[in-house]
Protein backbone atom coordinates (compact mmCIF):
# COMPACT_ATOMS: atom_id res chain seq x y z
CA UNK A 1 0.00 0.00 0.00
CA UNK A 2 1.20 3.50 -0.75
CA UNK A 3 1.09 4.47 2.92
CA UNK A 4 3.22 1.50 4.05
CA UNK A 5 6.64 2.22 5.48
CA UNK A 6 9.21 1.65 2.72
CA UNK A 7 6.45 1.39 0.07
CA UNK A 8 8.95 1.91 -2.77
CA UNK A 9 11.22 -0.89 -1.55
CA UNK A 10 8.25 -3.23 -1.03
CA UNK A 11 7.01 -2.47 -4.55
CA UNK A 12 10.46 -3.10 -6.05
CA UNK A 13 10.65 -6.45 -4.24
CA UNK A 14 7.12 -7.44 -5.31
CA UNK A 15 7.65 -6.67 -9.00
CA UNK A 16 10.12 -9.01 -10.56
CA UNK A 17 10.15 -8.38 -14.29
CA UNK A 18 12.34 -11.17 -15.59
CA UNK A 19 14.37 -11.18 -18.79
CA UNK A 20 14.24 -14.90 -19.63
CA UNK A 21 10.77 -15.09 -21.21
CA UNK A 22 9.76 -14.40 -24.77
CA UNK A 23 11.13 -11.18 -26.23
CA UNK A 24 8.02 -10.93 -28.38
CA UNK A 25 5.82 -8.07 -27.16
CA UNK A 26 2.10 -8.86 -27.45
CA UNK A 27 0.33 -5.79 -26.09
CA UNK A 28 -2.69 -6.16 -28.38
CA UNK A 29 -3.37 -9.77 -27.33
CA UNK A 30 -2.82 -8.98 -23.66
CA UNK A 31 -5.14 -5.96 -23.80
CA UNK A 32 -7.91 -8.20 -25.18
CA UNK A 33 -7.13 -10.86 -22.55
CA UNK A 34 -7.39 -8.23 -19.83
CA UNK A 35 -10.73 -6.98 -21.15
CA UNK A 36 -12.04 -10.55 -21.41
CA UNK A 37 -10.93 -11.42 -17.89
CA UNK A 38 -12.67 -14.79 -18.19
CA UNK A 39 -12.20 -15.77 -14.54
CA UNK A 40 -14.18 -12.85 -13.15
CA UNK A 41 -15.32 -10.43 -15.89
CA UNK A 42 -15.00 -6.83 -14.73
CA UNK A 43 -16.12 -4.82 -17.77
CA UNK A 44 -19.60 -3.67 -16.78
CA UNK A 45 -22.41 -3.35 -19.28
CA UNK A 46 -22.53 0.18 -20.70
CA UNK A 47 -19.25 1.19 -19.00
CA UNK A 48 -16.61 3.34 -20.65
CA UNK A 49 -13.50 1.42 -21.76
CA UNK A 50 -10.03 2.97 -21.87
CA UNK A 51 -6.92 1.00 -22.88
CA UNK A 52 -3.42 2.32 -22.14
CA UNK A 53 -0.51 0.55 -23.86
CA UNK A 54 2.95 1.13 -22.34
CA UNK A 55 5.83 -0.50 -24.20
CA UNK A 56 9.36 0.11 -25.47
CA UNK A 57 8.60 -1.60 -28.78
CA UNK A 58 5.71 -2.41 -31.09
CA UNK A 59 3.10 -5.15 -30.87
CA UNK A 60 4.75 -8.38 -31.98
CA UNK A 61 8.02 -6.43 -32.02
CA UNK A 62 8.08 -5.45 -35.69
CA UNK A 63 4.63 -4.16 -36.75
CA UNK A 64 3.06 -7.61 -36.27
CA UNK A 65 5.80 -9.61 -38.01
CA UNK A 66 6.70 -11.75 -34.99
CA UNK A 67 3.12 -12.97 -34.43
CA UNK A 68 2.90 -14.60 -37.84
CA UNK A 69 -0.75 -15.42 -38.61
CA UNK A 70 -2.22 -14.82 -35.14
CA UNK A 71 -5.32 -12.60 -35.04
CA UNK A 72 -3.54 -10.38 -32.48
CA UNK A 73 -0.79 -9.54 -35.00
CA UNK A 74 -2.70 -6.37 -35.89
CA UNK A 75 -4.26 -3.49 -33.96
CA UNK A 76 -7.61 -4.31 -35.59
CA UNK A 77 -7.88 -7.32 -33.24
CA UNK A 78 -8.27 -4.94 -30.26
CA UNK A 79 -10.35 -2.40 -32.19
CA UNK A 80 -12.78 -5.13 -33.25
CA UNK A 81 -12.96 -6.64 -29.76
CA UNK A 82 -13.81 -3.29 -28.18
CA UNK A 83 -16.30 -2.22 -30.86
CA UNK A 84 -17.89 -5.50 -31.91
CA UNK A 85 -17.63 -7.82 -28.91
CA UNK A 86 -17.94 -5.21 -26.14
CA UNK A 87 -20.28 -3.00 -28.19
CA UNK A 88 -18.37 0.23 -27.51
CA UNK A 89 -17.71 3.06 -29.93
CA UNK A 90 -14.19 4.47 -29.95
CA UNK A 91 -14.44 8.21 -29.43
CA UNK A 92 -17.83 7.92 -27.73
CA UNK A 93 -17.46 5.43 -24.85
CA UNK A 94 -14.05 3.89 -25.54
CA UNK A 95 -10.54 5.17 -26.17
CA UNK A 96 -7.02 3.94 -26.88
CA UNK A 97 -3.94 5.59 -25.39
CA UNK A 98 -0.24 4.84 -25.27
CA UNK A 99 3.27 5.50 -24.13
CA UNK A 100 5.60 3.94 -26.71
CA UNK A 101 8.24 4.85 -29.32
CA UNK A 102 6.34 6.66 -32.10
CA UNK A 103 7.82 6.20 -35.59
CA UNK A 104 10.14 9.03 -36.54
CA UNK A 105 10.59 10.40 -33.01
CA UNK A 106 13.91 10.22 -31.16
CA UNK A 107 14.04 7.40 -28.63
CA UNK A 108 17.46 5.83 -28.05
CA UNK A 109 16.37 3.20 -25.51
CA UNK A 110 13.44 1.80 -27.49
CA UNK A 111 13.34 -1.79 -28.66
CA UNK A 112 11.59 -0.91 -31.94
CA UNK A 113 9.42 1.92 -33.19
CA UNK A 114 5.69 1.28 -32.66
CA UNK A 115 3.69 1.98 -35.84
CA UNK A 116 0.91 -0.42 -34.76
CA UNK A 117 0.40 1.26 -31.40
CA UNK A 118 0.47 4.65 -33.15
CA UNK A 119 -2.28 3.49 -35.56
CA UNK A 120 -4.24 2.10 -32.59
CA UNK A 121 -4.23 5.38 -30.63
CA UNK A 122 -4.92 7.39 -33.80
CA UNK A 123 -7.96 5.21 -34.61
CA UNK A 124 -10.92 7.62 -34.53
CA UNK A 125 -8.93 9.97 -32.28
CA UNK A 126 -9.49 13.71 -32.47
CA UNK A 127 -6.40 14.63 -30.43
CA UNK A 128 -2.96 13.25 -29.57
CA UNK A 129 -3.41 10.25 -27.27
CA UNK A 130 0.19 9.14 -26.72
CA UNK A 131 3.64 10.02 -25.41
CA UNK A 132 7.12 8.90 -26.32
CA UNK A 133 8.40 6.18 -23.94
CA UNK A 134 11.71 8.10 -23.86
CA UNK A 135 10.09 11.30 -22.52
CA UNK A 136 11.42 12.33 -19.13
CA UNK A 137 7.98 13.40 -17.90
CA UNK A 138 4.59 11.97 -18.88
CA UNK A 139 2.49 14.34 -16.77
CA UNK A 140 1.26 16.51 -19.66
CA UNK A 141 0.24 13.47 -21.68
CA UNK A 142 -1.35 11.69 -18.72
CA UNK A 143 -3.36 14.82 -17.91
CA UNK A 144 -4.51 15.06 -21.55
CA UNK A 145 -5.49 11.37 -21.49
CA UNK A 146 -7.40 11.90 -18.22
CA UNK A 147 -9.24 14.87 -19.72
CA UNK A 148 -10.12 12.84 -22.81
CA UNK A 149 -11.44 9.94 -20.72
CA UNK A 150 -13.53 12.40 -18.67
CA UNK A 151 -15.24 13.45 -21.92
CA UNK A 152 -16.02 9.79 -22.72
CA UNK A 153 -17.63 9.08 -19.35
CA UNK A 154 -21.39 8.95 -19.24
CA UNK A 155 -22.64 12.19 -17.74
CA UNK A 156 -26.38 12.00 -18.36
CA UNK A 157 -28.65 9.82 -16.30
CA UNK A 158 -32.37 9.15 -16.57
CA UNK A 159 -34.43 9.40 -13.40
CA UNK A 160 -37.48 7.28 -12.66
CA UNK A 161 -39.75 10.33 -12.71
CA UNK A 162 -39.60 14.06 -13.32
CA UNK A 163 -38.50 15.52 -9.94
CA UNK A 164 -40.52 18.20 -8.20
CA UNK A 165 -38.95 21.63 -8.63
CA UNK A 166 -36.12 22.15 -6.14
CA UNK A 167 -36.34 18.60 -4.72
CA UNK A 168 -33.39 16.95 -6.51
CA UNK A 169 -30.19 16.55 -4.52
CA UNK A 170 -27.12 15.04 -6.21
CA UNK A 171 -24.26 13.56 -4.19
CA UNK A 172 -20.97 12.12 -5.32
CA UNK A 173 -18.92 10.18 -2.78
CA UNK A 174 -21.21 11.46 -0.01
CA UNK A 175 -20.59 15.11 -0.99
CA UNK A 176 -23.54 17.16 -2.21
CA UNK A 177 -22.99 18.65 -5.67
CA UNK A 178 -24.13 22.29 -5.98
CA UNK A 179 -27.29 22.63 -8.09
CA UNK A 180 -25.43 25.14 -10.26
CA UNK A 181 -23.14 22.29 -11.43
CA UNK A 182 -25.86 20.25 -13.15
CA UNK A 183 -29.09 20.72 -15.04
CA UNK A 184 -32.38 18.85 -15.21
CA UNK A 185 -34.25 18.27 -18.46
CA UNK A 186 -37.40 16.22 -17.82
CA UNK A 187 -36.33 12.90 -16.33
C-alpha cells in the first residue's frame, strides 16, 4: 500500500520483471485478454473502456511480423474486440492511449518503433493520445489522457420520474454537488 513504510522498496521487491521469457511483445493480445478477464469479468455493461498501452517496442516487435498469422498480430484485433464484442464506440465510450516509441521520433532506448500502437491510438482519435516512452515526464500526456477519458464518461442519467422543482439533490462520494453544477431536463 502507498502508505506502508518503505512502500517503494516493497514495490520493487514485489515486482520481478524477468528477462528470460519471450522477447516478443504482445500488447494487443494482452489488452484483449485483460478486457475478457474470463475468470471474473470486470467490464460492466454500458461502462466506458479505456486502454493504455505502455511498451518500449511495437506489438509483436516489428509491426506484427513476430506474431505470424495470429489474429492479435494487428491493432484491428483490439479495435474489433472493443467495438464489436464489447459494443463500444471508440471516441464515444471507448478510447485507446499509449506510451511507446512513435515512428520518426527520437528514442534511443526503445526496442523498436511502434507503428501499430500509433495506428491504434490514432484510430478515430481527435487529439494526440500518446507520449514517447523516452520522454522524461509523462504528466502533460497523462493529464490530456485523463481529460479525454472524462469526456467519454457517461454524464447524463435518466431518473425514474420528473422531480418536483427544487427537490433533486445530487451527491458524489457522499458530498452534495451544488445545483449550479448540473441541469435537469425532464427525467
